[in-house]
C-alpha cells in the first residue's frame, strides 16, 4: 500500500462583495485535511488588508497545492488569483477550484479559466484529502472521485462522479481555521447584531426553487447528530460567541431532528438563528424553537404575487407567508424575509404586490435584491436555451441583468432602492445580543 506524503495546501477565500460571511466551507476542508496529516493554511481575502499580503503569504507558506472557492460572480477573480499563485510560486503548482460555479459548469470553466488544473465537484471534504494524498502523482490525482480536469491530449473534460458525504459527524471542528473573532464582530454578517458564530448542522436541500442552484449537486438532505451539534455550540461559546447562526440551506426539513436540536440547545441558554421555509413550520414547532432560544428565522418569501411564487416553485401561498410571519412573531421569534424582484414573467402589478406585502407585514428585517439567474438554476438554463448571454461579473443582486414583462431595468432598480430606503422605518431596531 502506497504511503502518502504530507502535502502543503493553501485554501483561498476570494472577496465576495458587500455581504461578508465567514469562510466556513473552506474551514471544514482545512480542518479535515489537517486531521488527515496535511499542512493547511486558509487565506481569507475578505479580511482587511489581506489582498495586499496575498503574494507574500503564498511565498512564505510555499504550498504544493493552492485551492480556491468561487461562486459565479467571483469566478474571474478566482482565476486571476490562481494565475498569480502560479506566477509567485511556480507554473507547475497545482491549482484546484471548488464551489458551485465550477461544480455546475465544469467543462466551460476549465476551458475559459485556464489557471485551474482541477475542479472539485460538489462537497470536497473527502476529495481534497485524496488529492493531497496523491499530490505528487498526476495520474493518481486525476483518478480521484469527485474531480474534473481537461485532458489536453483529447481536448475533453473528464468528470469523475462521487457520492455526497453521508456521515457529517466525522467532520472536525472548523473554527480554529479562520479568524473567528473577526467575524463575531462584523455587522455585515447578520442584521441580528454582532456576536453570532456561523454553524452548519445539516447539508443538502431537497426543494426545487427555480432561481437556486444549490440543489444541483446536494439535494439529499443529511443531518448531524444533535449531541455533536451541541458540543460544537459549547466550544464556540467558550471562544466568545453570544449567539449561533445555522447557515444550513433549510434547517427545518426534518421536523423530528429539528425538535431534537431544540431539546439539546435549550440548556445552553443561547440565542440562535436559522434559515427556514414557511411551508415547514407551524405553531407547535415555532413554540418549541422559541423556548430553546431561537431568536430569528430567515424566511425566503421572495414575492407577494402568487403567480411569481408558483413560477419560483415555492410550494406555498401568499396568505401562508403572511400567516407564518405573523405567527412567528407571536411566538417571540424575529422574522427576517428575503424578496426577489425581476422574474422574467414579472409585471408592474406583481412588483406592486411585493411592495405592498412588505409594507403590510412589516417583517423584523428584510433583504431585497434583483434576480440574478445563476448557473445551475432552472431559470438560468431556460434563459440560455432562449439565447440569452450572461456576463458573470455582472450577476449581482444590485442591478438588473435580464428583462421582465413590461418592467424596465431602471424601474426595478428604482423599486429596490425605495425598499432599502424605507427599511429603517418599516423594520424594528435590531440590537446586539447580550
Protein backbone atom coordinates (compact mmCIF):
# COMPACT_ATOMS: atom_id res chain seq x y z
CA UNK A 1 0.00 0.00 0.00
CA UNK A 2 1.35 3.39 -1.00
CA UNK A 3 2.15 5.64 1.91
CA UNK A 4 1.02 9.21 1.23
CA UNK A 5 3.36 12.12 1.82
CA UNK A 6 2.47 15.20 3.79
CA UNK A 7 1.14 17.89 1.47
CA UNK A 8 1.12 21.65 1.98
CA UNK A 9 -2.10 23.23 0.74
CA UNK A 10 -3.29 26.83 0.78
CA UNK A 11 -7.05 27.38 0.57
CA UNK A 12 -8.04 30.83 -0.70
CA UNK A 13 -11.32 32.61 0.04
CA UNK A 14 -11.77 35.46 -2.50
CA UNK A 15 -13.50 38.68 -1.55
CA UNK A 16 -17.25 38.19 -2.06
CA UNK A 17 -18.57 41.74 -2.01
CA UNK A 18 -20.73 43.69 0.40
CA UNK A 19 -22.09 40.75 2.41
CA UNK A 20 -19.11 39.08 4.04
CA UNK A 21 -19.66 35.67 5.60
CA UNK A 22 -17.15 33.51 7.47
CA UNK A 23 -15.34 31.04 5.15
CA UNK A 24 -16.97 28.09 6.89
CA UNK A 25 -16.88 25.71 3.91
CA UNK A 26 -13.13 26.19 3.47
CA UNK A 27 -12.64 25.90 7.22
CA UNK A 28 -14.21 22.44 7.16
CA UNK A 29 -11.93 21.43 4.30
CA UNK A 30 -8.89 22.79 6.12
CA UNK A 31 -9.69 21.07 9.41
CA UNK A 32 -10.39 17.75 7.69
CA UNK A 33 -7.16 17.86 5.65
CA UNK A 34 -5.18 18.68 8.80
CA UNK A 35 -6.77 15.80 10.65
CA UNK A 36 -5.56 13.55 7.83
CA UNK A 37 -1.96 14.63 8.24
CA UNK A 38 -1.54 17.53 5.80
CA UNK A 39 -0.41 21.12 6.41
CA UNK A 40 -3.09 23.67 5.58
CA UNK A 41 -3.31 27.45 5.53
CA UNK A 42 -6.61 29.24 4.93
CA UNK A 43 -6.02 32.60 3.23
CA UNK A 44 -9.10 34.75 3.76
CA UNK A 45 -9.08 37.69 1.37
CA UNK A 46 -12.23 39.09 2.94
CA UNK A 47 -10.20 40.29 5.92
CA UNK A 48 -8.99 43.92 5.99
CA UNK A 49 -5.70 44.50 4.13
CA UNK A 50 -5.43 40.82 3.21
CA UNK A 51 -5.24 41.28 -0.56
CA UNK A 52 -2.03 43.29 -0.38
CA UNK A 53 -0.36 40.44 1.53
CA UNK A 54 -1.57 37.61 -0.73
CA UNK A 55 1.67 37.10 -2.68
CA UNK A 56 3.86 37.36 0.42
CA UNK A 57 1.76 34.80 2.29
CA UNK A 58 1.98 32.37 -0.65
CA UNK A 59 5.76 32.73 -0.89
CA UNK A 60 6.21 32.19 2.83
CA UNK A 61 3.95 29.14 3.06
CA UNK A 62 5.15 27.66 -0.27
CA UNK A 63 2.22 25.28 -0.83
CA UNK A 64 2.18 22.24 -3.11
CA UNK A 65 -1.49 22.87 -3.90
CA UNK A 66 -3.47 26.10 -3.95
CA UNK A 67 -7.24 25.71 -3.76
CA UNK A 68 -9.87 28.36 -4.47
CA UNK A 69 -13.60 28.60 -3.95
CA UNK A 70 -15.86 30.73 -6.10
CA UNK A 71 -19.48 31.48 -6.72
CA UNK A 72 -20.33 32.74 -10.19
CA UNK A 73 -19.66 36.47 -9.62
CA UNK A 74 -16.19 35.65 -8.22
CA UNK A 75 -15.06 33.14 -10.85
CA UNK A 76 -12.96 35.61 -12.88
CA UNK A 77 -11.33 36.98 -9.72
CA UNK A 78 -10.53 33.46 -8.52
CA UNK A 79 -8.96 32.68 -11.88
CA UNK A 80 -6.76 35.78 -11.57
CA UNK A 81 -5.72 34.73 -8.07
CA UNK A 82 -4.83 31.26 -9.37
CA UNK A 83 -2.77 32.77 -12.18
CA UNK A 84 -0.97 34.95 -9.66
CA UNK A 85 -0.26 31.89 -7.50
CA UNK A 86 1.39 30.12 -10.42
CA UNK A 87 3.44 33.24 -11.10
CA UNK A 88 4.51 33.74 -7.49
CA UNK A 89 5.28 30.09 -6.78
CA UNK A 90 5.96 28.06 -9.91
CA UNK A 91 3.92 27.37 -13.07
CA UNK A 92 3.52 23.70 -12.19
CA UNK A 93 1.98 24.33 -8.74
CA UNK A 94 -1.37 22.55 -8.71
CA UNK A 95 -4.39 24.85 -8.61
CA UNK A 96 -7.82 23.49 -7.83
CA UNK A 97 -11.25 25.12 -7.84
CA UNK A 98 -14.22 24.27 -5.65
CA UNK A 99 -17.59 25.90 -5.18
CA UNK A 100 -20.86 25.94 -7.03
CA UNK A 101 -19.78 27.59 -10.30
CA UNK A 102 -17.19 25.01 -11.24
CA UNK A 103 -19.41 22.22 -9.95
CA UNK A 104 -22.32 23.04 -12.28
CA UNK A 105 -20.21 24.20 -15.25
CA UNK A 106 -17.01 22.12 -15.12
CA UNK A 107 -16.49 21.88 -18.90
CA UNK A 108 -16.94 25.58 -19.57
CA UNK A 109 -14.93 26.60 -16.50
CA UNK A 110 -11.87 24.52 -17.36
CA UNK A 111 -11.87 25.84 -20.93
CA UNK A 112 -12.50 29.52 -20.16
CA UNK A 113 -10.43 29.84 -16.98
CA UNK A 114 -7.16 28.11 -17.75
CA UNK A 115 -5.46 28.88 -14.43
CA UNK A 116 -7.31 25.97 -12.80
CA UNK A 117 -5.84 22.49 -13.20
CA UNK A 118 -8.58 20.53 -11.45
CA UNK A 119 -12.13 21.21 -10.33
CA UNK A 120 -13.56 19.57 -7.24
CA UNK A 121 -17.23 18.78 -7.89
CA UNK A 122 -19.69 19.35 -5.05
CA UNK A 123 -18.67 18.66 -1.47
CA UNK A 124 -14.90 18.42 -1.30
CA UNK A 125 -14.21 17.10 2.19
CA UNK A 126 -13.08 13.63 1.15
CA UNK A 127 -11.95 14.60 -2.35
CA UNK A 128 -9.47 17.20 -1.12
CA UNK A 129 -7.84 14.73 1.27
CA UNK A 130 -7.39 12.20 -1.53
CA UNK A 131 -5.89 14.87 -3.80
CA UNK A 132 -3.45 15.79 -1.05
CA UNK A 133 -2.57 12.13 -0.54
CA UNK A 134 -1.71 11.81 -4.24
CA UNK A 135 -0.34 15.29 -4.93
CA UNK A 136 2.98 14.02 -6.30
CA UNK A 137 1.33 11.68 -8.82
CA UNK A 138 -0.71 13.46 -11.52
CA UNK A 139 -2.25 10.28 -12.89
CA UNK A 140 -3.41 9.17 -9.45
CA UNK A 141 -4.86 12.63 -8.77
CA UNK A 142 -6.88 12.51 -11.97
CA UNK A 143 -8.42 9.21 -10.93
CA UNK A 144 -9.76 10.61 -7.66
CA UNK A 145 -13.55 10.52 -7.37
CA UNK A 146 -15.20 13.93 -7.42
CA UNK A 147 -12.78 15.79 -9.71
CA UNK A 148 -12.92 17.17 -13.24
CA UNK A 149 -9.96 18.04 -15.46
CA UNK A 150 -9.20 18.89 -19.07
CA UNK A 151 -7.42 16.06 -20.87
CA UNK A 152 -5.30 18.07 -23.30
CA UNK A 153 -4.45 15.06 -25.45
CA UNK A 154 -8.12 14.53 -26.35
CA UNK A 155 -9.35 18.07 -25.58
CA UNK A 156 -12.11 16.53 -23.49
CA UNK A 157 -13.14 17.35 -19.95
CA UNK A 158 -13.14 14.23 -17.79
CA UNK A 159 -15.55 14.18 -14.83
CA UNK A 160 -15.21 11.59 -12.08
CA UNK A 161 -18.51 11.45 -10.21
CA UNK A 162 -18.71 10.98 -6.47
CA UNK A 163 -21.47 10.37 -3.93
CA UNK A 164 -22.26 13.01 -1.31
CA UNK A 165 -20.66 12.74 2.10
CA UNK A 166 -23.01 10.54 4.13
CA UNK A 167 -21.63 10.91 7.66
CA UNK A 168 -21.43 14.59 8.64
CA UNK A 169 -20.46 13.66 12.19
CA UNK A 170 -16.97 12.72 11.04
CA UNK A 171 -16.15 16.33 10.18
CA UNK A 172 -13.78 18.03 12.66
CA UNK A 173 -14.21 21.36 14.47
CA UNK A 174 -13.66 24.08 11.81
CA UNK A 175 -13.49 27.31 13.78
CA UNK A 176 -9.76 27.33 14.54
CA UNK A 177 -9.01 27.61 10.81
CA UNK A 178 -10.18 31.19 10.20
CA UNK A 179 -10.29 34.49 12.06
CA UNK A 180 -13.22 33.53 14.28
CA UNK A 181 -13.12 36.67 16.43
CA UNK A 182 -13.20 38.99 13.40
CA UNK A 183 -16.48 37.54 12.17
CA UNK A 184 -18.04 37.74 15.62
CA UNK A 185 -17.54 41.50 15.46
CA UNK A 186 -18.64 42.25 11.92
CA UNK A 187 -22.11 43.69 11.42
CA UNK A 188 -22.14 42.67 7.76
CA UNK A 189 -22.62 39.01 8.63
CA UNK A 190 -26.18 39.30 10.02
CA UNK A 191 -28.73 42.01 10.73
CA UNK A 192 -29.29 40.32 14.09
CA UNK A 193 -26.42 42.07 15.83
CA UNK A 194 -22.84 41.05 16.40
CA UNK A 195 -21.67 38.05 18.36
CA UNK A 196 -23.11 35.24 16.22
CA UNK A 197 -20.95 32.28 15.22
CA UNK A 198 -21.53 30.56 11.87
CA UNK A 199 -22.58 26.93 12.24
CA UNK A 200 -23.56 24.04 9.98
CA UNK A 201 -25.86 21.32 11.34
CA UNK A 202 -27.13 19.81 8.09
CA UNK A 203 -26.37 19.76 4.38
CA UNK A 204 -28.42 19.47 1.25
CA UNK A 205 -31.67 20.99 0.04
CA UNK A 206 -34.45 18.83 -1.46
CA UNK A 207 -36.56 21.75 -2.68
CA UNK A 208 -36.84 22.76 -6.36
CA UNK A 209 -36.74 26.60 -6.26
CA UNK A 210 -36.18 27.66 -9.87
CA UNK A 211 -33.89 30.59 -9.00
CA UNK A 212 -31.48 28.48 -6.94
CA UNK A 213 -28.59 26.23 -7.99
CA UNK A 214 -27.82 24.74 -4.58
CA UNK A 215 -29.80 21.56 -5.19
CA UNK A 216 -27.93 20.69 -8.38
CA UNK A 217 -25.28 18.73 -6.51
CA UNK A 218 -26.65 18.45 -3.00
CA UNK A 219 -30.37 17.60 -2.94
CA UNK A 220 -30.07 14.72 -0.48
CA UNK A 221 -30.68 16.13 2.98
CA UNK A 222 -28.31 14.94 5.71
CA UNK A 223 -28.07 15.92 9.35
CA UNK A 224 -25.51 15.86 12.12
CA UNK A 225 -26.09 14.15 15.44
CA UNK A 226 -27.71 16.70 17.80
CA UNK A 227 -25.16 15.90 20.52
CA UNK A 228 -22.35 16.64 18.04
CA UNK A 229 -24.00 19.98 17.26
CA UNK A 230 -24.33 20.94 20.91
CA UNK A 231 -20.67 20.01 21.55
CA UNK A 232 -19.63 22.42 18.79
CA UNK A 233 -22.01 25.05 20.15
CA UNK A 234 -20.40 24.85 23.58
CA UNK A 235 -16.95 25.25 22.01
CA UNK A 236 -17.83 28.39 20.03
CA UNK A 237 -19.49 29.88 23.11
CA UNK A 238 -16.26 29.27 25.02
CA UNK A 239 -14.45 31.15 22.22
CA UNK A 240 -16.65 34.21 22.73
CA UNK A 241 -19.80 33.62 20.67
CA UNK A 242 -23.01 35.01 22.19
CA UNK A 243 -25.27 33.56 19.53
CA UNK A 244 -25.35 30.89 16.82
CA UNK A 245 -26.35 31.24 13.17
CA UNK A 246 -27.01 27.90 11.48
CA UNK A 247 -26.21 28.53 7.80
CA UNK A 248 -27.95 25.34 6.64
CA UNK A 249 -29.99 25.73 3.45
CA UNK A 250 -33.22 24.79 5.25
CA UNK A 251 -32.98 23.98 8.93
CA UNK A 252 -36.48 22.52 9.48
CA UNK A 253 -36.54 19.97 6.65
CA UNK A 254 -36.56 17.06 9.13
CA UNK A 255 -39.08 18.06 11.80
CA UNK A 256 -38.11 15.39 14.35
CA UNK A 257 -34.42 16.24 14.03
CA UNK A 258 -35.19 19.95 14.38
CA UNK A 259 -37.04 19.26 17.64
CA UNK A 260 -34.15 17.12 18.85
CA UNK A 261 -31.77 20.01 18.15
CA UNK A 262 -34.03 22.34 20.11
CA UNK A 263 -34.01 19.97 23.06
CA UNK A 264 -30.20 19.84 23.27
CA UNK A 265 -29.75 23.59 22.70
CA UNK A 266 -32.26 24.66 25.35
CA UNK A 267 -29.97 24.04 28.36
CA UNK A 268 -27.27 26.24 26.80
CA UNK A 269 -29.47 29.34 27.13
CA UNK A 270 -28.06 30.77 23.91
CA UNK A 271 -29.76 32.73 21.12
CA UNK A 272 -29.72 31.15 17.67
CA UNK A 273 -30.93 31.92 14.15
CA UNK A 274 -31.76 29.75 11.14
CA UNK A 275 -32.90 29.88 7.52
CA UNK A 276 -36.33 28.34 7.02
CA UNK A 277 -39.39 27.88 4.84
CA UNK A 278 -42.96 28.88 5.65
CA UNK A 279 -44.28 25.52 4.44
CA UNK A 280 -42.26 23.64 7.10
CA UNK A 281 -43.38 25.35 10.32
CA UNK A 282 -46.49 25.63 12.45
CA UNK A 283 -47.30 26.99 15.89
CA UNK A 284 -46.17 23.84 17.72
CA UNK A 285 -42.74 23.81 16.11
CA UNK A 286 -42.26 27.57 16.44
CA UNK A 287 -43.09 27.45 20.15
CA UNK A 288 -40.56 24.65 20.68
CA UNK A 289 -37.92 26.62 18.77
CA UNK A 290 -38.65 29.81 20.70
CA UNK A 291 -38.43 28.00 24.05
CA UNK A 292 -34.99 26.66 23.12
CA UNK A 293 -33.59 30.10 22.27
CA UNK A 294 -34.44 30.64 18.59
CA UNK A 295 -34.02 34.36 18.10
CA UNK A 296 -34.77 34.83 14.41
CA UNK A 297 -35.80 32.87 11.32
CA UNK A 298 -34.77 33.98 7.83
CA UNK A 299 -37.67 33.11 5.52
CA UNK A 300 -37.31 33.09 1.75
CA UNK A 301 -40.63 34.78 1.00
CA UNK A 302 -39.40 36.07 -2.40
CA UNK A 303 -42.64 37.67 -3.69
CA UNK A 304 -46.07 38.99 -2.75
CA UNK A 305 -47.52 37.66 -6.01
CA UNK A 306 -48.93 34.14 -6.16
CA UNK A 307 -48.03 33.94 -9.84
CA UNK A 308 -44.38 34.58 -9.06
CA UNK A 309 -44.32 32.19 -6.09
CA UNK A 310 -45.64 29.46 -8.41
CA UNK A 311 -43.03 30.39 -11.03
CA UNK A 312 -40.31 30.02 -8.40
CA UNK A 313 -41.85 26.67 -7.27
CA UNK A 314 -42.03 27.82 -3.67
CA UNK A 315 -44.82 25.34 -2.79
CA UNK A 316 -46.72 27.90 -0.74
CA UNK A 317 -49.22 30.74 -0.96
CA UNK A 318 -49.06 34.46 -0.26
CA UNK A 319 -51.60 34.00 2.53
CA UNK A 320 -49.46 31.29 4.09
CA UNK A 321 -46.46 33.64 4.03
CA UNK A 322 -48.48 36.33 5.79
CA UNK A 323 -49.77 33.88 8.40
CA UNK A 324 -46.36 32.42 9.22
CA UNK A 325 -44.65 35.80 9.53
CA UNK A 326 -47.37 36.85 11.97
CA UNK A 327 -47.31 33.53 13.84
CA UNK A 328 -43.53 33.55 14.15
CA UNK A 329 -43.55 36.93 15.82
CA UNK A 330 -46.44 35.89 18.08
CA UNK A 331 -44.22 33.04 19.26
CA UNK A 332 -41.48 35.51 20.17
CA UNK A 333 -39.15 34.91 17.22
CA UNK A 334 -37.98 37.74 14.99
CA UNK A 335 -38.58 37.45 11.27
CA UNK A 336 -36.14 38.18 8.50
CA UNK A 337 -37.53 37.88 4.99
CA UNK A 338 -35.90 37.90 1.57
CA UNK A 339 -37.54 39.20 -1.59
CA UNK A 340 -36.54 38.93 -5.24
CA UNK A 341 -37.59 41.45 -7.89
CA UNK A 342 -37.39 40.91 -11.62
CA UNK A 343 -38.55 37.40 -12.55
CA UNK A 344 -38.78 37.12 -16.36
CA UNK A 345 -42.59 36.92 -16.20
CA UNK A 346 -42.95 39.65 -13.56
CA UNK A 347 -45.17 42.66 -14.30
CA UNK A 348 -45.62 46.00 -12.56
CA UNK A 349 -48.66 44.57 -10.81
CA UNK A 350 -46.60 41.69 -9.41
CA UNK A 351 -43.96 44.09 -8.12
CA UNK A 352 -46.61 46.29 -6.52
CA UNK A 353 -47.94 43.18 -4.74
CA UNK A 354 -44.48 42.53 -3.30
CA UNK A 355 -44.03 46.14 -2.16
CA UNK A 356 -47.46 46.10 -0.52
CA UNK A 357 -46.72 42.74 1.12
CA UNK A 358 -43.60 44.18 2.76
CA UNK A 359 -45.39 47.35 3.88
CA UNK A 360 -48.31 45.34 5.30
CA UNK A 361 -46.44 42.53 7.06
CA UNK A 362 -43.54 44.62 8.39
CA UNK A 363 -41.01 41.83 8.98
CA UNK A 364 -38.44 42.48 11.67
CA UNK A 365 -35.92 42.85 8.86
CA UNK A 366 -35.96 42.19 5.13
CA UNK A 367 -33.47 41.84 2.32
CA UNK A 368 -34.39 42.71 -1.23
CA UNK A 369 -32.49 42.15 -4.45
CA UNK A 370 -32.94 41.79 -8.17
CA UNK A 371 -32.99 38.34 -9.71
CA UNK A 372 -29.57 37.26 -10.97
CA UNK A 373 -30.02 33.86 -12.63
CA UNK A 374 -27.06 31.77 -11.53
CA UNK A 375 -25.65 28.80 -13.45
CA UNK A 376 -27.29 25.62 -12.26
CA UNK A 377 -30.69 27.19 -11.65
CA UNK A 378 -33.67 26.32 -13.85
CA UNK A 379 -34.22 29.97 -14.72
CA UNK A 380 -30.63 30.26 -15.93
CA UNK A 381 -30.95 27.08 -18.02
CA UNK A 382 -34.20 28.31 -19.58
CA UNK A 383 -32.70 31.70 -20.46
CA UNK A 384 -29.61 30.07 -22.00
CA UNK A 385 -31.87 27.90 -24.15
CA UNK A 386 -33.70 31.03 -25.30
CA UNK A 387 -30.41 32.60 -26.43
CA UNK A 388 -29.63 34.91 -23.52
CA UNK A 389 -25.96 35.65 -22.87
CA UNK A 390 -24.62 36.30 -19.40
CA UNK A 391 -21.60 38.21 -18.16
CA UNK A 392 -20.73 36.51 -14.89
CA UNK A 393 -19.10 39.52 -13.27
CA UNK A 394 -22.35 41.47 -13.80
CA UNK A 395 -24.52 38.96 -11.91
CA UNK A 396 -25.29 40.81 -8.71
CA UNK A 397 -28.46 41.40 -6.71
CA UNK A 398 -28.00 45.16 -7.03
CA UNK A 399 -28.51 45.52 -10.78
CA UNK A 400 -30.96 44.08 -13.30
CA UNK A 401 -29.35 41.74 -15.83
CA UNK A 402 -32.43 40.34 -17.60
CA UNK A 403 -35.63 41.84 -18.99
CA UNK A 404 -39.06 41.31 -17.47
CA UNK A 405 -42.62 41.55 -18.78
CA UNK A 406 -43.02 45.27 -19.26
CA UNK A 407 -40.78 46.46 -16.41
CA UNK A 408 -37.57 48.22 -17.34
CA UNK A 409 -34.27 47.52 -15.63
CA UNK A 410 -34.21 51.11 -14.38
CA UNK A 411 -37.64 50.68 -12.79
CA UNK A 412 -36.55 47.51 -11.00
CA UNK A 413 -33.52 49.24 -9.55
CA UNK A 414 -35.65 52.20 -8.51
CA UNK A 415 -38.09 49.95 -6.61
CA UNK A 416 -35.23 48.15 -4.91
CA UNK A 417 -33.66 51.46 -3.85
CA UNK A 418 -37.01 52.61 -2.46
CA UNK A 419 -37.46 49.45 -0.40
CA UNK A 420 -33.98 49.77 1.03
CA UNK A 421 -34.54 53.45 1.81
CA UNK A 422 -37.76 52.87 3.76
CA UNK A 423 -36.45 49.76 5.55
CA UNK A 424 -35.41 51.63 8.74
CA UNK A 425 -38.96 52.98 9.09
CA UNK A 426 -40.59 49.58 8.47
CA UNK A 427 -38.34 47.30 10.49
CA UNK A 428 -37.78 47.24 14.22
CA UNK A 429 -34.39 48.05 15.65
CA UNK A 430 -32.06 45.07 15.94
CA UNK A 431 -29.87 45.17 18.98
CA UNK A 432 -26.63 43.50 19.85
CA UNK A 433 -27.11 40.13 21.53
CA UNK A 434 -26.32 40.34 25.25
